[in-house]
Amino acid sequence: AAFYWDNGDSQTTTLDIRGEEVSGTEKEVTEVGSYRVIDDEGTELDKGKFIAIYRNEDGMWKVHREIWNSDLGLQAPSDTASTEAS
């Protein structure tokens, strides 16, 4: 919340998701792709990759497992976050 929404000051972001590979059966599908998070000024805030596994349960596709990994390094906590934890 602190990073994407600037502690409530409502920074607008866009999530650009690209499915790059999809495979599976009528019961289970795996999707591999990439994502980017972009603010309203066009600055890329984050980018990375994901894998999602969907299962067909009673005719409805549901997320079974999902993982997202940023290509960017860990961000140092803000001063606000460290004082809130105290």
N, C-alpha and C. Protein backbone atom coordinates (compact mmCIF):
# COMPACT_ATOMS: atom_id res chain seq x y z
N ALA A 1 0.82 -1.19 0.00
CA ALA A 1 0.00 0.00 0.00
C ALA A 1 0.86 1.25 0.00
N ALA A 2 1.94 1.25 0.75
CA ALA A 2 2.80 2.44 0.80
C ALA A 2 3.44 2.70 -0.56
N PHE A 3 3.87 1.65 -1.23
CA PHE A 3 4.54 1.82 -2.52
C PHE A 3 3.57 2.20 -3.61
N TYR A 4 2.49 1.43 -3.80
CA TYR A 4 1.58 1.66 -4.91
C TYR A 4 0.60 2.79 -4.67
N TRP A 5 0.20 3.00 -3.44
CA TRP A 5 -0.84 4.01 -3.17
C TRP A 5 -0.32 5.17 -2.34
N ASP A 6 0.98 5.26 -2.14
CA ASP A 6 1.62 6.40 -1.47
C ASP A 6 0.93 6.72 -0.15
N ASN A 7 0.73 5.69 0.66
CA ASN A 7 0.09 5.82 1.98
C ASN A 7 -1.26 6.53 1.93
N GLY A 8 -2.06 6.26 0.90
CA GLY A 8 -3.40 6.82 0.82
C GLY A 8 -3.54 8.01 -0.10
N ASP A 9 -2.44 8.49 -0.67
CA ASP A 9 -2.53 9.64 -1.58
C ASP A 9 -2.92 9.21 -2.99
N SER A 10 -3.39 7.99 -3.15
CA SER A 10 -4.00 7.46 -4.37
C SER A 10 -3.22 7.72 -5.66
N GLN A 11 -2.10 7.07 -5.78
CA GLN A 11 -1.35 7.10 -7.02
C GLN A 11 -2.04 6.14 -7.99
N THR A 12 -2.35 6.59 -9.19
CA THR A 12 -3.00 5.74 -10.18
C THR A 12 -1.97 4.80 -10.79
N THR A 13 -2.32 3.51 -10.90
CA THR A 13 -1.42 2.54 -11.51
C THR A 13 -2.18 1.70 -12.54
N THR A 14 -1.43 1.21 -13.49
CA THR A 14 -1.95 0.29 -14.50
C THR A 14 -1.18 -1.02 -14.38
N LEU A 15 -1.89 -2.13 -14.41
CA LEU A 15 -1.27 -3.44 -14.39
C LEU A 15 -1.36 -4.03 -15.78
N ASP A 16 -0.22 -4.16 -16.45
CA ASP A 16 -0.14 -4.70 -17.81
C ASP A 16 0.28 -6.17 -17.70
N ILE A 17 -0.66 -7.08 -17.94
CA ILE A 17 -0.41 -8.52 -17.82
C ILE A 17 -0.34 -9.13 -19.21
N ARG A 18 0.70 -9.89 -19.47
CA ARG A 18 0.87 -10.54 -20.77
C ARG A 18 0.99 -12.05 -20.59
N GLY A 19 -0.02 -12.78 -21.05
CA GLY A 19 0.06 -14.23 -21.06
C GLY A 19 0.93 -14.65 -22.23
N GLU A 20 2.02 -15.32 -21.98
CA GLU A 20 2.98 -15.65 -23.03
C GLU A 20 2.96 -17.13 -23.41
N GLU A 21 2.44 -17.95 -22.53
CA GLU A 21 2.40 -19.40 -22.80
C GLU A 21 1.23 -19.99 -22.03
N VAL A 22 0.37 -20.70 -22.71
CA VAL A 22 -0.77 -21.36 -22.07
C VAL A 22 -0.81 -22.80 -22.55
N SER A 23 -0.94 -23.73 -21.62
CA SER A 23 -1.05 -25.14 -21.99
C SER A 23 -1.91 -25.86 -20.97
N GLY A 24 -2.44 -27.01 -21.38
CA GLY A 24 -3.23 -27.77 -20.42
C GLY A 24 -4.24 -28.68 -21.06
N THR A 25 -5.22 -29.04 -20.25
CA THR A 25 -6.27 -29.96 -20.66
C THR A 25 -7.62 -29.32 -20.36
N GLU A 26 -8.68 -30.07 -20.56
CA GLU A 26 -10.01 -29.55 -20.25
C GLU A 26 -10.24 -29.43 -18.74
N LYS A 27 -9.33 -29.98 -17.93
CA LYS A 27 -9.49 -29.92 -16.48
C LYS A 27 -8.52 -28.97 -15.78
N GLU A 28 -7.34 -28.73 -16.40
CA GLU A 28 -6.34 -27.89 -15.77
C GLU A 28 -5.52 -27.16 -16.82
N VAL A 29 -5.28 -25.88 -16.59
CA VAL A 29 -4.52 -25.05 -17.53
C VAL A 29 -3.43 -24.31 -16.76
N THR A 30 -2.25 -24.22 -17.36
CA THR A 30 -1.15 -23.45 -16.79
C THR A 30 -0.86 -22.26 -17.70
N GLU A 31 -0.73 -21.09 -17.09
CA GLU A 31 -0.41 -19.87 -17.82
C GLU A 31 0.91 -19.32 -17.29
N VAL A 32 1.82 -18.96 -18.20
CA VAL A 32 3.10 -18.35 -17.85
C VAL A 32 3.13 -16.99 -18.53
N GLY A 33 3.55 -15.98 -17.82
CA GLY A 33 3.57 -14.66 -18.45
C GLY A 33 4.40 -13.66 -17.69
N SER A 34 4.22 -12.40 -18.07
CA SER A 34 4.95 -11.31 -17.45
C SER A 34 3.98 -10.19 -17.11
N TYR A 35 4.43 -9.29 -16.27
CA TYR A 35 3.59 -8.16 -15.88
C TYR A 35 4.44 -6.90 -15.71
N ARG A 36 3.80 -5.76 -15.80
CA ARG A 36 4.41 -4.47 -15.50
C ARG A 36 3.38 -3.64 -14.73
N VAL A 37 3.85 -2.89 -13.75
CA VAL A 37 3.01 -1.94 -13.04
C VAL A 37 3.52 -0.55 -13.40
N ILE A 38 2.62 0.29 -13.94
CA ILE A 38 2.99 1.60 -14.47
C ILE A 38 2.13 2.66 -13.80
N ASP A 39 2.75 3.76 -13.36
CA ASP A 39 1.96 4.82 -12.74
C ASP A 39 1.35 5.73 -13.80
N ASP A 40 0.55 6.70 -13.38
CA ASP A 40 -0.16 7.55 -14.32
C ASP A 40 0.75 8.49 -15.11
N GLU A 41 2.02 8.58 -14.73
CA GLU A 41 2.98 9.38 -15.48
C GLU A 41 3.80 8.53 -16.44
N GLY A 42 3.52 7.23 -16.49
CA GLY A 42 4.23 6.33 -17.39
C GLY A 42 5.48 5.70 -16.80
N THR A 43 5.73 5.93 -15.52
CA THR A 43 6.91 5.37 -14.86
C THR A 43 6.63 3.91 -14.50
N GLU A 44 7.56 3.03 -14.84
CA GLU A 44 7.42 1.62 -14.50
C GLU A 44 7.81 1.42 -13.04
N LEU A 45 6.84 1.01 -12.22
CA LEU A 45 7.06 0.82 -10.79
C LEU A 45 7.54 -0.58 -10.46
N ASP A 46 7.13 -1.55 -11.25
CA ASP A 46 7.52 -2.94 -11.02
C ASP A 46 7.36 -3.70 -12.31
N LYS A 47 8.10 -4.79 -12.44
CA LYS A 47 7.95 -5.71 -13.57
C LYS A 47 8.42 -7.06 -13.11
N GLY A 48 7.88 -8.09 -13.74
CA GLY A 48 8.28 -9.43 -13.35
C GLY A 48 7.55 -10.49 -14.14
N LYS A 49 7.44 -11.66 -13.53
CA LYS A 49 6.84 -12.80 -14.22
C LYS A 49 5.88 -13.52 -13.27
N PHE A 50 5.04 -14.37 -13.87
CA PHE A 50 4.09 -15.11 -13.05
C PHE A 50 3.81 -16.46 -13.68
N ILE A 51 3.32 -17.36 -12.84
CA ILE A 51 2.79 -18.65 -13.28
C ILE A 51 1.47 -18.84 -12.55
N ALA A 52 0.43 -19.22 -13.29
CA ALA A 52 -0.87 -19.47 -12.68
C ALA A 52 -1.39 -20.82 -13.17
N ILE A 53 -1.97 -21.57 -12.26
CA ILE A 53 -2.59 -22.84 -12.59
C ILE A 53 -4.07 -22.71 -12.29
N TYR A 54 -4.89 -23.00 -13.29
CA TYR A 54 -6.34 -22.91 -13.16
C TYR A 54 -6.91 -24.32 -13.24
N ARG A 55 -7.95 -24.58 -12.45
CA ARG A 55 -8.64 -25.87 -12.50
C ARG A 55 -10.11 -25.65 -12.81
N ASN A 56 -10.65 -26.55 -13.62
CA ASN A 56 -12.07 -26.51 -13.95
C ASN A 56 -12.81 -27.33 -12.91
N GLU A 57 -13.59 -26.63 -12.07
CA GLU A 57 -14.35 -27.29 -11.02
C GLU A 57 -15.83 -27.05 -11.26
N ASP A 58 -16.54 -28.11 -11.58
CA ASP A 58 -17.98 -28.04 -11.83
C ASP A 58 -18.33 -27.00 -12.89
N GLY A 59 -17.51 -26.97 -13.96
CA GLY A 59 -17.77 -26.08 -15.08
C GLY A 59 -17.28 -24.65 -14.90
N MET A 60 -16.60 -24.36 -13.79
CA MET A 60 -16.08 -23.01 -13.54
C MET A 60 -14.56 -23.08 -13.40
N TRP A 61 -13.85 -22.18 -14.10
CA TRP A 61 -12.40 -22.10 -13.99
C TRP A 61 -12.04 -21.30 -12.75
N LYS A 62 -11.19 -21.90 -11.89
CA LYS A 62 -10.77 -21.26 -10.65
C LYS A 62 -9.25 -21.30 -10.54
N VAL A 63 -8.69 -20.27 -9.91
CA VAL A 63 -7.25 -20.24 -9.67
C VAL A 63 -6.93 -21.30 -8.62
N HIS A 64 -6.03 -22.21 -8.98
CA HIS A 64 -5.60 -23.26 -8.05
C HIS A 64 -4.30 -22.85 -7.36
N ARG A 65 -3.34 -22.39 -8.12
CA ARG A 65 -2.06 -21.91 -7.59
C ARG A 65 -1.62 -20.73 -8.44
N GLU A 66 -0.88 -19.81 -7.81
CA GLU A 66 -0.41 -18.64 -8.53
C GLU A 66 0.81 -18.09 -7.81
N ILE A 67 1.82 -17.66 -8.57
CA ILE A 67 2.99 -17.03 -7.97
C ILE A 67 3.46 -15.91 -8.88
N TRP A 68 3.83 -14.80 -8.28
CA TRP A 68 4.33 -13.63 -8.99
C TRP A 68 5.70 -13.30 -8.42
N ASN A 69 6.68 -13.03 -9.29
CA ASN A 69 8.02 -12.69 -8.85
C ASN A 69 8.49 -11.42 -9.56
N SER A 70 8.91 -10.45 -8.78
CA SER A 70 9.40 -9.20 -9.33
C SER A 70 10.81 -9.40 -9.89
N ASP A 71 11.10 -8.71 -10.98
CA ASP A 71 12.46 -8.69 -11.53
C ASP A 71 13.31 -7.64 -10.83
N LEU A 72 12.69 -6.80 -10.03
CA LEU A 72 13.40 -5.75 -9.31
C LEU A 72 13.86 -6.26 -7.96
N GLY A 73 14.91 -5.70 -7.44
CA GLY A 73 15.41 -6.10 -6.14
C GLY A 73 14.48 -5.66 -5.03
N LEU A 74 14.76 -6.11 -3.83
CA LEU A 74 13.96 -5.72 -2.67
C LEU A 74 14.09 -4.22 -2.44
N GLN A 75 13.00 -3.60 -2.07
CA GLN A 75 12.98 -2.17 -1.80
C GLN A 75 13.22 -1.95 -0.31
N ALA A 76 14.02 -0.94 0.01
CA ALA A 76 14.24 -0.61 1.42
C ALA A 76 12.94 -0.09 2.02
N PRO A 77 12.64 -0.46 3.26
CA PRO A 77 11.40 0.04 3.87
C PRO A 77 11.47 1.55 4.04
N SER A 78 10.34 2.20 3.94
CA SER A 78 10.27 3.65 4.12
C SER A 78 10.39 3.98 5.60
N ASP A 79 10.70 5.22 5.91
CA ASP A 79 10.78 5.65 7.30
C ASP A 79 9.43 5.48 7.99
N THR A 80 8.34 5.69 7.25
CA THR A 80 6.99 5.54 7.80
C THR A 80 6.74 4.11 8.24
N ALA A 81 7.17 3.15 7.40
CA ALA A 81 6.94 1.74 7.72
C ALA A 81 7.70 1.35 8.98
N SER A 82 8.93 1.83 9.15
CA SER A 82 9.70 1.45 10.32
C SER A 82 9.15 2.09 11.59
N THR A 83 8.61 3.31 11.51
CA THR A 83 8.05 3.92 12.71
C THR A 83 6.70 3.31 13.07
N GLU A 84 5.94 2.86 12.06
CA GLU A 84 4.66 2.22 12.34
C GLU A 84 4.85 0.88 13.02
N ALA A 85 5.95 0.18 12.70
CA ALA A 85 6.21 -1.14 13.29
C ALA A 85 6.69 -1.01 14.73
N SER A 86 7.16 0.16 15.12
CA SER A 86 7.69 0.35 16.48
C SER A 86 6.60 0.39 17.52
